[in-house]
Amino acid sequence: FEGARWDKEQKKILESDPKVLFTTAPLMWFQPKRTVQIRHPPSYLCPVYKTGDRRGILATTGHSTNFILDIYVPSDVPEAHWVQRGVAMLSQLDD
């Protein structure tokens, strides 16, 4: 995560610790389901990017070539809170 951290006990995202820019996201298992079978707890729709640049060439889909997908991440605070902080997941850190 960039801009937030994952709490293993509470199983949700929380504010970053002071002076910590990046934290490890939890291991995720993508299981195909029908849309009607999916229940989303209060969550933040977190974007996942290939790199921290968060930019790339705009594809015909309207997304950047750096964008991978959005993932629902459990949270107790409104989504706008995390959007204002620019919280995202990165598949790799820039060197």
Protein backbone atom coordinates (compact mmCIF):
# COMPACT_ATOMS: atom_id res chain seq x y z
CA PHE A 1 0.00 0.00 0.00
CA GLU A 2 1.02 3.57 -0.58
CA GLY A 3 -0.63 6.05 1.78
CA ALA A 4 -2.20 3.51 4.15
CA ARG A 5 -1.43 0.25 5.95
CA TRP A 6 -3.14 -3.10 6.37
CA ASP A 7 -4.11 -4.17 9.88
CA LYS A 8 -3.96 -7.97 10.13
CA GLU A 9 -6.00 -8.21 13.33
CA GLN A 10 -8.84 -5.92 12.25
CA LYS A 11 -8.59 -7.00 8.58
CA LYS A 12 -8.99 -3.49 7.19
CA ILE A 13 -6.90 -0.53 6.05
CA LEU A 14 -5.82 2.11 8.52
CA GLU A 15 -3.77 5.29 8.48
CA SER A 16 -0.08 4.87 7.73
CA ASP A 17 2.38 4.84 10.58
CA PRO A 18 4.45 8.04 10.80
CA LYS A 19 7.29 8.25 8.25
CA VAL A 20 6.30 4.94 6.60
CA LEU A 21 5.56 5.43 2.90
CA PHE A 22 4.87 1.85 1.79
CA THR A 23 3.47 -1.23 3.54
CA THR A 24 2.78 -4.77 2.40
CA ALA A 25 -0.76 -5.59 1.34
CA PRO A 26 -2.37 -8.85 2.44
CA LEU A 27 -2.17 -11.95 0.30
CA MET A 28 -5.23 -12.05 -1.96
CA TRP A 29 -7.01 -14.88 -3.68
CA PHE A 30 -9.11 -14.01 -6.72
CA GLN A 31 -12.04 -16.39 -6.95
CA PRO A 32 -14.52 -16.05 -9.82
CA LYS A 33 -18.12 -15.50 -8.70
CA ARG A 34 -21.37 -14.26 -10.15
CA THR A 35 -21.92 -10.58 -9.46
CA VAL A 36 -25.10 -11.26 -7.47
CA GLN A 37 -23.14 -13.55 -5.09
CA ILE A 38 -20.59 -10.88 -4.13
CA ARG A 39 -21.15 -9.00 -0.87
CA HIS A 40 -19.00 -5.98 -0.18
CA PRO A 41 -18.53 -4.88 3.42
CA PRO A 42 -17.91 -1.15 3.94
CA SER A 43 -14.84 -0.70 1.77
CA TYR A 44 -12.57 1.45 -0.35
CA LEU A 45 -12.27 0.69 -4.07
CA CYS A 46 -8.48 0.76 -4.17
CA PRO A 47 -6.67 1.15 -7.52
CA VAL A 48 -3.72 -1.14 -8.23
CA TYR A 49 -0.88 0.17 -10.41
CA LYS A 50 2.17 -1.51 -11.92
CA THR A 51 4.49 1.23 -10.61
CA GLY A 52 4.28 4.27 -8.35
CA ASP A 53 4.21 6.65 -11.31
CA ARG A 54 0.44 6.23 -11.65
CA ARG A 55 0.67 7.42 -15.19
CA GLY A 56 1.07 5.87 -18.57
CA ILE A 57 -0.41 6.00 -22.01
CA LEU A 58 -4.19 6.34 -21.99
CA ALA A 59 -5.67 3.18 -23.51
CA THR A 60 -8.93 2.95 -25.43
CA THR A 61 -10.54 1.62 -22.22
CA GLY A 62 -10.01 5.02 -20.61
CA HIS A 63 -7.44 3.66 -18.16
CA SER A 64 -3.72 4.26 -18.03
CA THR A 65 -1.43 1.46 -19.22
CA ASN A 66 0.01 1.56 -15.68
CA PHE A 67 -3.40 0.72 -14.15
CA ILE A 68 -4.07 -2.97 -13.36
CA LEU A 69 -7.45 -3.17 -11.58
CA ASP A 70 -9.53 -1.92 -8.64
CA ILE A 71 -9.85 -4.02 -5.48
CA TYR A 72 -12.41 -3.59 -2.70
CA VAL A 73 -10.47 -3.18 0.55
CA PRO A 74 -12.37 -3.27 3.88
CA SER A 75 -12.46 0.09 5.68
CA ASP A 76 -14.43 1.77 8.45
CA VAL A 77 -14.09 5.28 7.03
CA PRO A 78 -15.73 6.74 3.90
CA GLU A 79 -14.06 6.10 0.56
CA ALA A 80 -13.43 9.84 0.10
CA HIS A 81 -11.02 9.72 3.06
CA TRP A 82 -8.68 7.34 1.20
CA VAL A 83 -9.15 9.07 -2.16
CA GLN A 84 -7.99 12.38 -0.64
CA ARG A 85 -4.86 10.63 0.66
CA GLY A 86 -4.14 9.06 -2.70
CA VAL A 87 -4.11 5.51 -1.34
CA ALA A 88 -3.24 2.87 -3.91
CA MET A 89 -1.63 -0.53 -4.19
CA LEU A 90 1.51 -0.97 -6.25
CA SER A 91 2.66 -4.24 -7.80
CA GLN A 92 6.28 -3.07 -7.57
CA LEU A 93 8.19 -0.21 -5.99
CA ASP A 94 10.25 2.20 -8.08
CA ASP A 95 14.01 1.97 -7.63
